[in-house]
C-alpha cells in the first residue's frame, strides 16, 4: 500500500476510527512508513511460525508478531526480511527483537521492533497464527489495517487510503 500516509494526518482526520498503539517501537527497515492489512502470529522466543507466515500471507500485508515483548532473542533477521521483501509484504511489526539491523535497513520493507538482539530464536514451531493479539494497549485483529511511520502506529478496522474509508 501507499507509504506516504502520515499517522498524524490520519489522527487529525479519523481520530474516532483509530486506535493508537501506546508502545514505542524503533524502525529498522528501509521503509520508515508503511501500511496494510494485518496478519498475525503469536510466538515466544521461537520464529518458525514467523517464517511460515512471511512465506504465505498475501502481498501488501503487514505481519504483526506478538513475541511477548521478550528481548532474549531475535524473531526476525535479514533472511526473513528478504522473504518479506521478495514477496511484496508492506512490513513487519515485532513485539520483541530483530537482528541483522544493518541489512534490514537496506531492504525495501518496513520493520518495527522493540529493540535488537544478535541471538537467534529457537526453532520448535510453537505458537498461534491468524488470531487477535494484544500489546501496546490495542488489539491487533487480522484483516484490520495498520499504519506506521516515524510518529507511531495506528490501527483502523477498515482501509483509510485515498482520504476516505474504502
C-alpha atoms as a PDB file:
ATOM      1  CA  UNK A   1       0.000   0.000   0.000  1.00  0.00           C
ATOM      2  CA  UNK A   2       0.959   3.635  -0.201  1.00  0.00           C
ATOM      3  CA  UNK A   3       3.817   4.550   2.072  1.00  0.00           C
ATOM      4  CA  UNK A   4       3.370   8.331   2.155  1.00  0.00           C
ATOM      5  CA  UNK A   5       0.476   8.275   4.607  1.00  0.00           C
ATOM      6  CA  UNK A   6       1.227  10.124   7.835  1.00  0.00           C
ATOM      7  CA  UNK A   7      -0.223   8.780  11.064  1.00  0.00           C
ATOM      8  CA  UNK A   8      -0.573  12.336  12.375  1.00  0.00           C
ATOM      9  CA  UNK A   9      -2.784  13.230   9.392  1.00  0.00           C
ATOM     10  CA  UNK A  10      -4.852  10.084   9.896  1.00  0.00           C
ATOM     11  CA  UNK A  11      -5.324  11.024  13.554  1.00  0.00           C
ATOM     12  CA  UNK A  12      -6.435  14.519  12.506  1.00  0.00           C
ATOM     13  CA  UNK A  13      -8.983  13.164  10.026  1.00  0.00           C
ATOM     14  CA  UNK A  14     -10.113   9.879  11.612  1.00  0.00           C
ATOM     15  CA  UNK A  15      -9.390  10.080  15.355  1.00  0.00           C
ATOM     16  CA  UNK A  16     -12.720   8.471  16.247  1.00  0.00           C
ATOM     17  CA  UNK A  17     -11.981   5.463  13.985  1.00  0.00           C
ATOM     18  CA  UNK A  18      -8.409   4.801  15.104  1.00  0.00           C
ATOM     19  CA  UNK A  19      -6.664   3.022  17.943  1.00  0.00           C
ATOM     20  CA  UNK A  20      -3.197   4.325  18.753  1.00  0.00           C
ATOM     21  CA  UNK A  21      -0.550   1.841  19.846  1.00  0.00           C
ATOM     22  CA  UNK A  22       0.895   3.104  23.143  1.00  0.00           C
ATOM     23  CA  UNK A  23       4.089   1.007  22.896  1.00  0.00           C
ATOM     24  CA  UNK A  24       7.006   2.826  21.269  1.00  0.00           C
ATOM     25  CA  UNK A  25       8.764   0.891  18.514  1.00  0.00           C
ATOM     26  CA  UNK A  26      12.059   1.506  16.714  1.00  0.00           C
ATOM     27  CA  UNK A  27      12.211   1.441  12.920  1.00  0.00           C
ATOM     28  CA  UNK A  28      14.729  -0.986  11.397  1.00  0.00           C
ATOM     29  CA  UNK A  29      13.550  -1.456   7.798  1.00  0.00           C
ATOM     30  CA  UNK A  30      14.274   0.501   4.652  1.00  0.00           C
ATOM     31  CA  UNK A  31      10.752   1.955   4.671  1.00  0.00           C
ATOM     32  CA  UNK A  32      10.001   4.262   7.595  1.00  0.00           C
ATOM     33  CA  UNK A  33       6.325   4.499   6.592  1.00  0.00           C
ATOM     34  CA  UNK A  34       4.214   1.505   5.704  1.00  0.00           C
ATOM     35  CA  UNK A  35       0.638   0.293   5.916  1.00  0.00           C
ATOM     36  CA  UNK A  36      -1.547  -2.643   5.035  1.00  0.00           C
ATOM     37  CA  UNK A  37      -3.956  -5.298   6.254  1.00  0.00           C
ATOM     38  CA  UNK A  38      -2.869  -7.096   9.423  1.00  0.00           C
ATOM     39  CA  UNK A  39      -1.831 -10.748   9.592  1.00  0.00           C
ATOM     40  CA  UNK A  40      -0.744 -12.097  12.994  1.00  0.00           C
ATOM     41  CA  UNK A  41       1.375 -14.698  14.748  1.00  0.00           C
ATOM     42  CA  UNK A  42       1.829 -15.168  18.483  1.00  0.00           C
ATOM     43  CA  UNK A  43       5.101 -16.832  19.496  1.00  0.00           C
ATOM     44  CA  UNK A  44       7.618 -16.806  22.329  1.00  0.00           C
ATOM     45  CA  UNK A  45      11.330 -16.903  21.506  1.00  0.00           C
ATOM     46  CA  UNK A  46      10.554 -19.202  18.532  1.00  0.00           C
ATOM     47  CA  UNK A  47      10.357 -17.858  14.983  1.00  0.00           C
ATOM     48  CA  UNK A  48       9.213 -20.905  12.979  1.00  0.00           C
ATOM     49  CA  UNK A  49       5.666 -19.511  12.619  1.00  0.00           C
ATOM     50  CA  UNK A  50       7.110 -16.085  11.713  1.00  0.00           C
ATOM     51  CA  UNK A  51       8.911 -17.624   8.728  1.00  0.00           C
ATOM     52  CA  UNK A  52       5.827 -19.654   7.717  1.00  0.00           C
ATOM     53  CA  UNK A  53       3.647 -16.529   7.838  1.00  0.00           C
ATOM     54  CA  UNK A  54       6.126 -14.488   5.790  1.00  0.00           C
ATOM     55  CA  UNK A  55       6.028 -17.232   3.154  1.00  0.00           C
ATOM     56  CA  UNK A  56       2.229 -17.414   2.975  1.00  0.00           C
ATOM     57  CA  UNK A  57       0.443 -14.164   3.878  1.00  0.00           C
ATOM     58  CA  UNK A  58      -0.825 -12.045   0.972  1.00  0.00           C
ATOM     59  CA  UNK A  59       1.253  -9.404  -0.769  1.00  0.00           C
ATOM     60  CA  UNK A  60       0.841  -5.946   0.770  1.00  0.00           C
ATOM     61  CA  UNK A  61       0.077  -7.277   4.255  1.00  0.00           C
ATOM     62  CA  UNK A  62       1.819  -6.325   7.476  1.00  0.00           C
ATOM     63  CA  UNK A  63       2.834  -9.243   9.679  1.00  0.00           C
ATOM     64  CA  UNK A  64       2.276  -8.411  13.346  1.00  0.00           C
ATOM     65  CA  UNK A  65       4.380 -10.674  15.553  1.00  0.00           C
ATOM     66  CA  UNK A  66       3.411 -10.830  19.216  1.00  0.00           C
ATOM     67  CA  UNK A  67       6.634 -12.103  20.727  1.00  0.00           C
ATOM     68  CA  UNK A  68       5.531 -11.406  24.287  1.00  0.00           C
ATOM     69  CA  UNK A  69       7.894  -8.382  24.416  1.00  0.00           C
ATOM     70  CA  UNK A  70      10.817 -10.765  25.026  1.00  0.00           C
ATOM     71  CA  UNK A  71      14.233  -9.238  24.470  1.00  0.00           C
ATOM     72  CA  UNK A  72      16.071 -12.551  24.984  1.00  0.00           C
ATOM     73  CA  UNK A  73      16.499 -13.283  21.264  1.00  0.00           C
ATOM     74  CA  UNK A  74      15.590 -12.018  17.785  1.00  0.00           C
ATOM     75  CA  UNK A  75      12.460 -13.185  15.958  1.00  0.00           C
ATOM     76  CA  UNK A  76      13.404 -11.636  12.594  1.00  0.00           C
ATOM     77  CA  UNK A  77      16.682 -11.079  10.769  1.00  0.00           C
ATOM     78  CA  UNK A  78      17.942 -10.338   7.288  1.00  0.00           C
ATOM     79  CA  UNK A  79      16.970 -13.725   5.804  1.00  0.00           C
ATOM     80  CA  UNK A  80      13.345 -13.436   6.919  1.00  0.00           C
ATOM     81  CA  UNK A  81      13.362  -9.771   5.898  1.00  0.00           C
ATOM     82  CA  UNK A  82      14.459 -10.880   2.447  1.00  0.00           C
ATOM     83  CA  UNK A  83      11.480 -13.246   2.229  1.00  0.00           C
ATOM     84  CA  UNK A  84       9.125 -10.386   3.168  1.00  0.00           C
ATOM     85  CA  UNK A  85      10.768  -8.077   0.629  1.00  0.00           C
ATOM     86  CA  UNK A  86      10.668 -10.615  -2.236  1.00  0.00           C
ATOM     87  CA  UNK A  87       7.008 -11.423  -1.535  1.00  0.00           C
ATOM     88  CA  UNK A  88       5.986  -7.746  -1.580  1.00  0.00           C
ATOM     89  CA  UNK A  89       4.860  -7.505   2.028  1.00  0.00           C
ATOM     90  CA  UNK A  90       4.434  -3.981   3.379  1.00  0.00           C
ATOM     91  CA  UNK A  91       6.236  -4.690   6.625  1.00  0.00           C
ATOM     92  CA  UNK A  92       6.641  -6.492   9.915  1.00  0.00           C
ATOM     93  CA  UNK A  93       5.907  -5.224  13.428  1.00  0.00           C
ATOM     94  CA  UNK A  94       7.631  -7.288  16.135  1.00  0.00           C
ATOM     95  CA  UNK A  95       6.650  -7.095  19.795  1.00  0.00           C
ATOM     96  CA  UNK A  96      10.150  -8.349  20.516  1.00  0.00           C
ATOM     97  CA  UNK A  97      13.593  -8.058  18.912  1.00  0.00           C
ATOM     98  CA  UNK A  98      15.188  -8.239  15.473  1.00  0.00           C
ATOM     99  CA  UNK A  99      18.797  -8.748  14.365  1.00  0.00           C
ATOM    100  CA  UNK A 100      20.920  -8.045  11.285  1.00  0.00           C
ATOM    101  CA  UNK A 101      19.791  -4.444  11.598  1.00  0.00           C
ATOM    102  CA  UNK A 102      22.269  -3.026   9.057  1.00  0.00           C
ATOM    103  CA  UNK A 103      20.907  -5.416   6.417  1.00  0.00           C
ATOM    104  CA  UNK A 104      17.253  -4.831   7.368  1.00  0.00           C
ATOM    105  CA  UNK A 105      17.810  -1.103   6.822  1.00  0.00           C
ATOM    106  CA  UNK A 106      18.752  -1.864   3.191  1.00  0.00           C
ATOM    107  CA  UNK A 107      15.607  -3.896   2.490  1.00  0.00           C
ATOM    108  CA  UNK A 108      12.516  -2.388   0.855  1.00  0.00           C
ATOM    109  CA  UNK A 109      10.120  -3.178   3.686  1.00  0.00           C
ATOM    110  CA  UNK A 110       9.020  -1.602   6.917  1.00  0.00           C
ATOM    111  CA  UNK A 111      10.308  -3.257  10.088  1.00  0.00           C
ATOM    112  CA  UNK A 112       9.474  -2.063  13.581  1.00  0.00           C
ATOM    113  CA  UNK A 113      10.522  -3.786  16.794  1.00  0.00           C
ATOM    114  CA  UNK A 114      11.182  -3.086  20.472  1.00  0.00           C
ATOM    115  CA  UNK A 115      14.927  -3.493  20.011  1.00  0.00           C
ATOM    116  CA  UNK A 116      17.692  -5.681  18.638  1.00  0.00           C
ATOM    117  CA  UNK A 117      19.469  -8.782  19.902  1.00  0.00           C
ATOM    118  CA  UNK A 118      22.080 -10.768  17.924  1.00  0.00           C
ATOM    119  CA  UNK A 119      20.953 -14.130  19.373  1.00  0.00           C
ATOM    120  CA  UNK A 120      18.698 -16.224  17.111  1.00  0.00           C
ATOM    121  CA  UNK A 121      15.489 -17.777  18.395  1.00  0.00           C
ATOM    122  CA  UNK A 122      14.750 -21.434  18.979  1.00  0.00           C
ATOM    123  CA  UNK A 123      13.132 -23.428  16.157  1.00  0.00           C
ATOM    124  CA  UNK A 124      10.351 -25.538  17.661  1.00  0.00           C
ATOM    125  CA  UNK A 125       7.238 -24.238  15.874  1.00  0.00           C
ATOM    126  CA  UNK A 126       5.095 -23.425  18.899  1.00  0.00           C
ATOM    127  CA  UNK A 127       2.640 -20.567  18.750  1.00  0.00           C
ATOM    128  CA  UNK A 128      -0.590 -19.433  17.106  1.00  0.00           C
ATOM    129  CA  UNK A 129      -1.431 -17.641  13.881  1.00  0.00           C
ATOM    130  CA  UNK A 130      -4.312 -15.620  12.466  1.00  0.00           C
ATOM    131  CA  UNK A 131      -5.672 -14.707  15.900  1.00  0.00           C
ATOM    132  CA  UNK A 132      -6.257 -11.326  17.547  1.00  0.00           C
ATOM    133  CA  UNK A 133      -3.256 -10.376  19.700  1.00  0.00           C
ATOM    134  CA  UNK A 134      -2.921  -7.629  22.286  1.00  0.00           C
ATOM    135  CA  UNK A 135       0.014  -5.371  23.100  1.00  0.00           C
ATOM    136  CA  UNK A 136       0.619  -1.640  23.209  1.00  0.00           C
ATOM    137  CA  UNK A 137      -2.849  -1.226  24.735  1.00  0.00           C
ATOM    138  CA  UNK A 138      -4.517  -2.146  21.420  1.00  0.00           C
ATOM    139  CA  UNK A 139      -5.924  -5.264  19.818  1.00  0.00           C
ATOM    140  CA  UNK A 140      -4.323  -6.319  16.522  1.00  0.00           C
ATOM    141  CA  UNK A 141      -7.045  -8.111  14.562  1.00  0.00           C
ATOM    142  CA  UNK A 142      -6.277  -9.975  11.326  1.00  0.00           C
ATOM    143  CA  UNK A 143      -7.860  -8.098   8.426  1.00  0.00           C
ATOM    144  CA  UNK A 144      -7.855  -4.715  10.172  1.00  0.00           C
ATOM    145  CA  UNK A 145      -5.447  -2.084   8.822  1.00  0.00           C
ATOM    146  CA  UNK A 146      -2.254  -0.768  10.369  1.00  0.00           C
ATOM    147  CA  UNK A 147      -0.449   2.458   9.509  1.00  0.00           C
ATOM    148  CA  UNK A 148       3.095   3.004  10.794  1.00  0.00           C
ATOM    149  CA  UNK A 149       5.569   5.853  10.486  1.00  0.00           C
ATOM    150  CA  UNK A 150       8.106   7.897  12.436  1.00  0.00           C
ATOM    151  CA  UNK A 151       5.382   9.201  14.780  1.00  0.00           C
ATOM    152  CA  UNK A 152       3.879   5.875  15.771  1.00  0.00           C
ATOM    153  CA  UNK A 153       1.403   3.182  14.827  1.00  0.00           C
ATOM    154  CA  UNK A 154      -2.370   3.419  14.416  1.00  0.00           C
ATOM    155  CA  UNK A 155      -4.961   0.744  13.667  1.00  0.00           C
ATOM    156  CA  UNK A 156      -8.270   1.048  11.825  1.00  0.00           C
ATOM    157  CA  UNK A 157     -10.978  -1.560  11.236  1.00  0.00           C
ATOM    158  CA  UNK A 158     -11.036  -0.541   7.562  1.00  0.00           C
ATOM    159  CA  UNK A 159      -8.711   0.955   4.960  1.00  0.00           C
ATOM    160  CA  UNK A 160      -8.352   4.746   5.093  1.00  0.00           C
ATOM    161  CA  UNK A 161      -6.360   5.100   1.849  1.00  0.00           C
ATOM    162  CA  UNK A 162      -7.261   7.884  -0.623  1.00  0.00           C
ATOM    163  CA  UNK A 163      -8.760  10.097   2.068  1.00  0.00           C
ATOM    164  CA  UNK A 164     -11.872   8.034   2.638  1.00  0.00           C
ATOM    165  CA  UNK A 165     -12.838   4.719   4.129  1.00  0.00           C
ATOM    166  CA  UNK A 166     -12.745   2.014   1.486  1.00  0.00           C
END
